[in-house]
Amino acid sequence: MEHLDFLLAGALGLALAACSGFRVFVPLLAASLAYRTGYITPAPGFSWLGTWPAVAALGTATVAEILGYYIPVIDNVLDTITGPASFIAGTILMTSALPDMPPMLRWGLGILVGGGTAGIIQTGTSLLRAGSTATTAGLGNPVLATLENLLAIVGSVLGLLVPVLVAALAIGTVLWVLSRLRRWRQRRAARRQAHLASLGTTPG
């Protein structure tokens, strides 16, 4: 594979994997349609993703997932379920986009880059939803769900059209989420220290 082809394939996989951090099935459906129409070619072993049964199943799952996030309580349940699901989806999307590589290397990149990116972004959206639930009693969740839906849909389409740009935005998003998680953990540690100090104890 030429360097440019490898860059484009990797960017495509990363872009779609990042979108699965917002919605699991939207980028999978986008990839399925792209494979079905011949717009892109899947890696060996992933031709099933471009079949009509896969398109139908992913289309149904996409509609159910999008609508589910507008139902109170169900949205938080979905966050719990989609945590590991987004990691799996990100892994599949990244791995299926790298056709001309040794299988072990392809799967390694799929798990580390694709699954890792999807998992980090999904963690960030879950924390935002938890914060929205706590501060607005869930009233702000439909707004957040709409934003996530748009990011997943628009991001998936742009990921197929301009993968390098979306991949760069995905990397920036991952770095931002990681920085926010680090600050959140630091604040939790500081509050714990302050609480222990007020009790006259020291942490073990």
C-alpha atoms as a PDB file:
ATOM      1  CA  MET A   1       0.000   0.000   0.000  1.00  0.00           C
ATOM      2  CA  GLU A   2       1.332   3.450  -0.902  1.00  0.00           C
ATOM      3  CA  HIS A   3       1.906   5.869   1.958  1.00  0.00           C
ATOM      4  CA  LEU A   4      -0.919   8.131   0.804  1.00  0.00           C
ATOM      5  CA  ASP A   5      -3.316   5.212   0.514  1.00  0.00           C
ATOM      6  CA  PHE A   6      -2.352   4.050   3.990  1.00  0.00           C
ATOM      7  CA  LEU A   7      -2.879   7.560   5.362  1.00  0.00           C
ATOM      8  CA  LEU A   8      -6.326   7.832   3.787  1.00  0.00           C
ATOM      9  CA  ALA A   9      -7.377   4.356   4.940  1.00  0.00           C
ATOM     10  CA  GLY A  10      -6.174   5.014   8.469  1.00  0.00           C
ATOM     11  CA  ALA A  11      -7.843   8.413   8.555  1.00  0.00           C
ATOM     12  CA  LEU A  12     -11.094   6.902   7.297  1.00  0.00           C
ATOM     13  CA  GLY A  13     -11.050   4.212   9.958  1.00  0.00           C
ATOM     14  CA  LEU A  14     -10.186   6.679  12.693  1.00  0.00           C
ATOM     15  CA  ALA A  15     -12.867   9.144  11.593  1.00  0.00           C
ATOM     16  CA  LEU A  16     -15.624   6.525  11.613  1.00  0.00           C
ATOM     17  CA  ALA A  17     -14.358   4.988  14.859  1.00  0.00           C
ATOM     18  CA  ALA A  18     -14.505   8.387  16.545  1.00  0.00           C
ATOM     19  CA  CYS A  19     -18.114   8.813  15.430  1.00  0.00           C
ATOM     20  CA  SER A  20     -19.015   5.515  17.097  1.00  0.00           C
ATOM     21  CA  GLY A  21     -18.171   7.248  20.363  1.00  0.00           C
ATOM     22  CA  PHE A  22     -21.271   9.395  19.811  1.00  0.00           C
ATOM     23  CA  ARG A  23     -23.541   6.703  18.340  1.00  0.00           C
ATOM     24  CA  VAL A  24     -22.575   3.078  17.911  1.00  0.00           C
ATOM     25  CA  PHE A  25     -24.600   2.175  14.829  1.00  0.00           C
ATOM     26  CA  VAL A  26     -24.565   5.375  12.755  1.00  0.00           C
ATOM     27  CA  PRO A  27     -20.949   5.034  11.520  1.00  0.00           C
ATOM     28  CA  LEU A  28     -21.366   1.270  11.139  1.00  0.00           C
ATOM     29  CA  LEU A  29     -24.353   1.918   8.873  1.00  0.00           C
ATOM     30  CA  ALA A  30     -22.371   4.540   6.943  1.00  0.00           C
ATOM     31  CA  ALA A  31     -19.506   2.088   6.438  1.00  0.00           C
ATOM     32  CA  SER A  32     -21.935  -0.673   5.457  1.00  0.00           C
ATOM     33  CA  LEU A  33     -23.525   1.516   2.784  1.00  0.00           C
ATOM     34  CA  ALA A  34     -20.098   2.615   1.535  1.00  0.00           C
ATOM     35  CA  TYR A  35     -18.997  -1.009   1.231  1.00  0.00           C
ATOM     36  CA  ARG A  36     -22.312  -2.024  -0.352  1.00  0.00           C
ATOM     37  CA  THR A  37     -22.067   0.646  -3.056  1.00  0.00           C
ATOM     38  CA  GLY A  38     -18.389   0.022  -3.721  1.00  0.00           C
ATOM     39  CA  TYR A  39     -17.372   3.503  -2.586  1.00  0.00           C
ATOM     40  CA  ILE A  40     -14.665   1.891  -0.450  1.00  0.00           C
ATOM     41  CA  THR A  41     -13.362  -1.657  -0.252  1.00  0.00           C
ATOM     42  CA  PRO A  42     -13.430  -3.517   3.072  1.00  0.00           C
ATOM     43  CA  ALA A  43     -10.509  -5.503   4.454  1.00  0.00           C
ATOM     44  CA  PRO A  44     -10.502  -9.272   3.897  1.00  0.00           C
ATOM     45  CA  GLY A  45     -13.029 -10.912   6.181  1.00  0.00           C
ATOM     46  CA  PHE A  46     -15.295  -7.858   6.361  1.00  0.00           C
ATOM     47  CA  SER A  47     -17.262  -8.294   3.156  1.00  0.00           C
ATOM     48  CA  TRP A  48     -20.275  -9.227   5.313  1.00  0.00           C
ATOM     49  CA  LEU A  49     -20.444  -5.605   6.437  1.00  0.00           C
ATOM     50  CA  GLY A  50     -21.418  -4.613   2.899  1.00  0.00           C
ATOM     51  CA  THR A  51     -24.271  -7.080   2.456  1.00  0.00           C
ATOM     52  CA  TRP A  52     -27.936  -6.126   2.328  1.00  0.00           C
ATOM     53  CA  PRO A  53     -28.760  -8.041   5.533  1.00  0.00           C
ATOM     54  CA  ALA A  54     -26.064  -6.047   7.338  1.00  0.00           C
ATOM     55  CA  VAL A  55     -27.427  -2.783   5.921  1.00  0.00           C
ATOM     56  CA  ALA A  56     -30.950  -3.694   7.050  1.00  0.00           C
ATOM     57  CA  ALA A  57     -29.886  -4.794  10.529  1.00  0.00           C
ATOM     58  CA  LEU A  58     -27.673  -1.760  11.090  1.00  0.00           C
ATOM     59  CA  GLY A  59     -30.350   0.582   9.756  1.00  0.00           C
ATOM     60  CA  THR A  60     -32.896  -0.807  12.221  1.00  0.00           C
ATOM     61  CA  ALA A  61     -30.407  -0.636  15.083  1.00  0.00           C
ATOM     62  CA  THR A  62     -29.503   2.949  14.152  1.00  0.00           C
ATOM     63  CA  VAL A  63     -33.111   4.136  14.309  1.00  0.00           C
ATOM     64  CA  ALA A  64     -33.688   2.344  17.617  1.00  0.00           C
ATOM     65  CA  GLU A  65     -30.513   3.810  19.149  1.00  0.00           C
ATOM     66  CA  ILE A  66     -31.270   7.366  18.040  1.00  0.00           C
ATOM     67  CA  LEU A  67     -34.846   7.248  19.332  1.00  0.00           C
ATOM     68  CA  GLY A  68     -33.820   5.540  22.572  1.00  0.00           C
ATOM     69  CA  TYR A  69     -31.735   8.519  23.636  1.00  0.00           C
ATOM     70  CA  TYR A  70     -34.875  10.667  23.755  1.00  0.00           C
ATOM     71  CA  ILE A  71     -36.547   8.437  26.337  1.00  0.00           C
ATOM     72  CA  PRO A  72     -35.838   9.364  29.991  1.00  0.00           C
ATOM     73  CA  VAL A  73     -33.929   6.759  31.993  1.00  0.00           C
ATOM     74  CA  ILE A  74     -33.421   4.680  28.833  1.00  0.00           C
ATOM     75  CA  ASP A  75     -30.790   7.173  27.682  1.00  0.00           C
ATOM     76  CA  ASN A  76     -28.653   6.536  30.756  1.00  0.00           C
ATOM     77  CA  VAL A  77     -29.155   2.784  30.398  1.00  0.00           C
ATOM     78  CA  LEU A  78     -27.990   3.043  26.792  1.00  0.00           C
ATOM     79  CA  ASP A  79     -24.849   4.856  27.935  1.00  0.00           C
ATOM     80  CA  THR A  80     -23.992   1.862  30.094  1.00  0.00           C
ATOM     81  CA  ILE A  81     -24.589  -0.588  27.262  1.00  0.00           C
ATOM     82  CA  THR A  82     -22.881   1.445  24.542  1.00  0.00           C
ATOM     83  CA  GLY A  83     -19.659   1.767  26.519  1.00  0.00           C
ATOM     84  CA  PRO A  84     -18.251  -1.609  25.464  1.00  0.00           C
ATOM     85  CA  ALA A  85     -20.321  -1.561  22.263  1.00  0.00           C
ATOM     86  CA  SER A  86     -18.640   1.628  21.042  1.00  0.00           C
ATOM     87  CA  PHE A  87     -15.219   0.077  21.681  1.00  0.00           C
ATOM     88  CA  ILE A  88     -16.178  -2.959  19.595  1.00  0.00           C
ATOM     89  CA  ALA A  89     -17.653  -0.781  16.840  1.00  0.00           C
ATOM     90  CA  GLY A  90     -14.563   1.433  16.754  1.00  0.00           C
ATOM     91  CA  THR A  91     -12.351  -1.628  16.504  1.00  0.00           C
ATOM     92  CA  ILE A  92     -14.391  -3.070  13.621  1.00  0.00           C
ATOM     93  CA  LEU A  93     -14.510   0.232  11.745  1.00  0.00           C
ATOM     94  CA  MET A  94     -10.771   0.838  12.032  1.00  0.00           C
ATOM     95  CA  THR A  95      -9.804  -2.755  11.215  1.00  0.00           C
ATOM     96  CA  SER A  96     -12.127  -3.028   8.215  1.00  0.00           C
ATOM     97  CA  ALA A  97     -10.665   0.148   6.714  1.00  0.00           C
ATOM     98  CA  LEU A  98      -7.095  -1.211   6.540  1.00  0.00           C
ATOM     99  CA  PRO A  99      -7.203  -3.867   3.782  1.00  0.00           C
ATOM    100  CA  ASP A 100      -3.542  -4.261   2.752  1.00  0.00           C
ATOM    101  CA  MET A 101      -1.901  -5.064   6.066  1.00  0.00           C
ATOM    102  CA  PRO A 102      -0.974  -8.228   8.000  1.00  0.00           C
ATOM    103  CA  PRO A 103      -4.037  -9.313  10.014  1.00  0.00           C
ATOM    104  CA  MET A 104      -2.252  -9.090  13.385  1.00  0.00           C
ATOM    105  CA  LEU A 105      -1.070  -5.538  12.740  1.00  0.00           C
ATOM    106  CA  ARG A 106      -4.461  -4.555  11.330  1.00  0.00           C
ATOM    107  CA  TRP A 107      -6.324  -5.865  14.380  1.00  0.00           C
ATOM    108  CA  GLY A 108      -3.771  -4.331  16.731  1.00  0.00           C
ATOM    109  CA  LEU A 109      -4.318  -0.899  15.202  1.00  0.00           C
ATOM    110  CA  GLY A 110      -8.061  -1.508  15.185  1.00  0.00           C
ATOM    111  CA  ILE A 111      -8.149  -2.258  18.895  1.00  0.00           C
ATOM    112  CA  LEU A 112      -5.684   0.374  20.086  1.00  0.00           C
ATOM    113  CA  VAL A 113      -6.533   3.251  17.761  1.00  0.00           C
ATOM    114  CA  GLY A 114     -10.111   2.570  16.673  1.00  0.00           C
ATOM    115  CA  GLY A 115     -11.456   1.013  19.850  1.00  0.00           C
ATOM    116  CA  GLY A 116      -9.466   3.349  22.076  1.00  0.00           C
ATOM    117  CA  THR A 117     -10.675   6.478  20.280  1.00  0.00           C
ATOM    118  CA  ALA A 118     -14.306   5.366  20.356  1.00  0.00           C
ATOM    119  CA  GLY A 119     -14.082   4.407  24.022  1.00  0.00           C
ATOM    120  CA  ILE A 120     -12.531   7.702  25.108  1.00  0.00           C
ATOM    121  CA  ILE A 121     -15.088   9.810  23.233  1.00  0.00           C
ATOM    122  CA  GLN A 122     -17.958   7.678  24.530  1.00  0.00           C
ATOM    123  CA  THR A 123     -16.661   8.123  28.080  1.00  0.00           C
ATOM    124  CA  GLY A 124     -16.718  11.869  27.575  1.00  0.00           C
ATOM    125  CA  THR A 125     -20.300  11.852  26.301  1.00  0.00           C
ATOM    126  CA  SER A 126     -21.388   9.623  29.201  1.00  0.00           C
ATOM    127  CA  LEU A 127     -19.917  12.046  31.730  1.00  0.00           C
ATOM    128  CA  LEU A 128     -21.660  14.951  29.999  1.00  0.00           C
ATOM    129  CA  ARG A 129     -24.963  13.077  30.144  1.00  0.00           C
ATOM    130  CA  ALA A 130     -24.450  12.261  33.819  1.00  0.00           C
ATOM    131  CA  GLY A 131     -23.742  15.926  34.503  1.00  0.00           C
ATOM    132  CA  SER A 132     -26.803  16.966  32.516  1.00  0.00           C
ATOM    133  CA  THR A 133     -28.964  14.494  34.441  1.00  0.00           C
ATOM    134  CA  ALA A 134     -27.665  15.766  37.770  1.00  0.00           C
ATOM    135  CA  THR A 135     -27.938  19.486  37.004  1.00  0.00           C
ATOM    136  CA  THR A 136     -31.119  19.595  34.906  1.00  0.00           C
ATOM    137  CA  ALA A 137     -32.946  16.528  36.248  1.00  0.00           C
ATOM    138  CA  GLY A 138     -32.650  15.078  32.747  1.00  0.00           C
ATOM    139  CA  LEU A 139     -34.356  18.005  31.005  1.00  0.00           C
ATOM    140  CA  GLY A 140     -31.177  18.878  29.143  1.00  0.00           C
ATOM    141  CA  ASN A 141     -30.577  15.334  27.934  1.00  0.00           C
ATOM    142  CA  PRO A 142     -32.674  15.624  24.724  1.00  0.00           C
ATOM    143  CA  VAL A 143     -30.577  18.618  23.672  1.00  0.00           C
ATOM    144  CA  LEU A 144     -27.402  16.655  24.315  1.00  0.00           C
ATOM    145  CA  ALA A 145     -28.847  13.655  22.455  1.00  0.00           C
ATOM    146  CA  THR A 146     -29.640  15.828  19.422  1.00  0.00           C
ATOM    147  CA  LEU A 147     -26.093  17.214  19.404  1.00  0.00           C
ATOM    148  CA  GLU A 148     -24.635  13.710  19.615  1.00  0.00           C
ATOM    149  CA  ASN A 149     -26.890  12.502  16.801  1.00  0.00           C
ATOM    150  CA  LEU A 150     -25.772  15.360  14.576  1.00  0.00           C
ATOM    151  CA  LEU A 151     -22.110  14.783  15.375  1.00  0.00           C
ATOM    152  CA  ALA A 152     -22.448  11.080  14.602  1.00  0.00           C
ATOM    153  CA  ILE A 153     -24.344  11.577  11.331  1.00  0.00           C
ATOM    154  CA  VAL A 154     -22.435  14.581   9.984  1.00  0.00           C
ATOM    155  CA  GLY A 155     -19.140  13.172  11.206  1.00  0.00           C
ATOM    156  CA  SER A 156     -19.758   9.835   9.482  1.00  0.00           C
ATOM    157  CA  VAL A 157     -20.653  11.489   6.173  1.00  0.00           C
ATOM    158  CA  LEU A 158     -17.675  13.846   6.311  1.00  0.00           C
ATOM    159  CA  GLY A 159     -15.485  10.971   7.445  1.00  0.00           C
ATOM    160  CA  LEU A 160     -16.212   9.224   4.154  1.00  0.00           C
ATOM    161  CA  LEU A 161     -15.718  12.408   2.106  1.00  0.00           C
ATOM    162  CA  VAL A 162     -12.831  14.154   3.897  1.00  0.00           C
ATOM    163  CA  PRO A 163     -11.370  11.525   6.234  1.00  0.00           C
ATOM    164  CA  VAL A 164      -8.119  13.332   7.015  1.00  0.00           C
ATOM    165  CA  LEU A 165      -9.940  16.419   8.285  1.00  0.00           C
ATOM    166  CA  VAL A 166     -12.351  14.428  10.451  1.00  0.00           C
ATOM    167  CA  ALA A 167      -9.514  12.257  11.763  1.00  0.00           C
ATOM    168  CA  ALA A 168      -7.622  15.383  12.816  1.00  0.00           C
ATOM    169  CA  LEU A 169     -10.727  16.677  14.610  1.00  0.00           C
ATOM    170  CA  ALA A 170     -11.109  13.262  16.262  1.00  0.00           C
ATOM    171  CA  ILE A 171      -7.565  13.407  17.613  1.00  0.00           C
ATOM    172  CA  GLY A 172      -8.238  16.890  18.975  1.00  0.00           C
ATOM    173  CA  THR A 173     -11.447  15.671  20.615  1.00  0.00           C
ATOM    174  CA  VAL A 174      -9.661  12.732  22.242  1.00  0.00           C
ATOM    175  CA  LEU A 175      -6.956  15.015  23.633  1.00  0.00           C
ATOM    176  CA  TRP A 176      -9.608  17.405  24.974  1.00  0.00           C
ATOM    177  CA  VAL A 177     -11.561  14.592  26.656  1.00  0.00           C
ATOM    178  CA  LEU A 178      -8.391  13.202  28.224  1.00  0.00           C
ATOM    179  CA  SER A 179      -7.470  16.634  29.590  1.00  0.00           C
ATOM    180  CA  ARG A 180     -10.957  17.063  31.059  1.00  0.00           C
ATOM    181  CA  LEU A 181     -10.821  13.611  32.650  1.00  0.00           C
ATOM    182  CA  ARG A 182      -7.456  14.445  34.178  1.00  0.00           C
ATOM    183  CA  ARG A 183      -8.775  17.687  35.658  1.00  0.00           C
ATOM    184  CA  TRP A 184     -11.888  15.900  36.952  1.00  0.00           C
ATOM    185  CA  ARG A 185      -9.748  13.310  38.716  1.00  0.00           C
ATOM    186  CA  GLN A 186      -7.529  16.018  40.165  1.00  0.00           C
ATOM    187  CA  ARG A 187     -10.564  17.872  41.550  1.00  0.00           C
ATOM    188  CA  ARG A 188     -11.911  14.650  43.054  1.00  0.00           C
ATOM    189  CA  ALA A 189      -8.559  13.968  44.687  1.00  0.00           C
ATOM    190  CA  ALA A 190      -8.412  17.531  46.030  1.00  0.00           C
ATOM    191  CA  ARG A 191     -11.924  17.262  47.487  1.00  0.00           C
ATOM    192  CA  ARG A 192     -11.023  13.950  49.090  1.00  0.00           C
ATOM    193  CA  GLN A 193      -7.907  15.466  50.616  1.00  0.00           C
ATOM    194  CA  ALA A 194      -9.927  18.392  51.941  1.00  0.00           C
ATOM    195  CA  HIS A 195     -12.570  16.095  53.385  1.00  0.00           C
ATOM    196  CA  LEU A 196      -9.990  13.932  55.127  1.00  0.00           C
ATOM    197  CA  ALA A 197      -8.245  17.032  56.443  1.00  0.00           C
ATOM    198  CA  SER A 198     -11.535  18.294  57.918  1.00  0.00           C
ATOM    199  CA  LEU A 199     -11.885  14.964  59.722  1.00  0.00           C
ATOM    200  CA  GLY A 200      -8.375  15.251  61.059  1.00  0.00           C
ATOM    201  CA  THR A 201      -7.136  12.185  59.180  1.00  0.00           C
ATOM    202  CA  THR A 202      -4.653  11.539  56.449  1.00  0.00           C
ATOM    203  CA  PRO A 203      -5.233   9.352  53.401  1.00  0.00           C
ATOM    204  CA  GLY A 204      -3.929   5.801  53.551  1.00  0.00           C
END
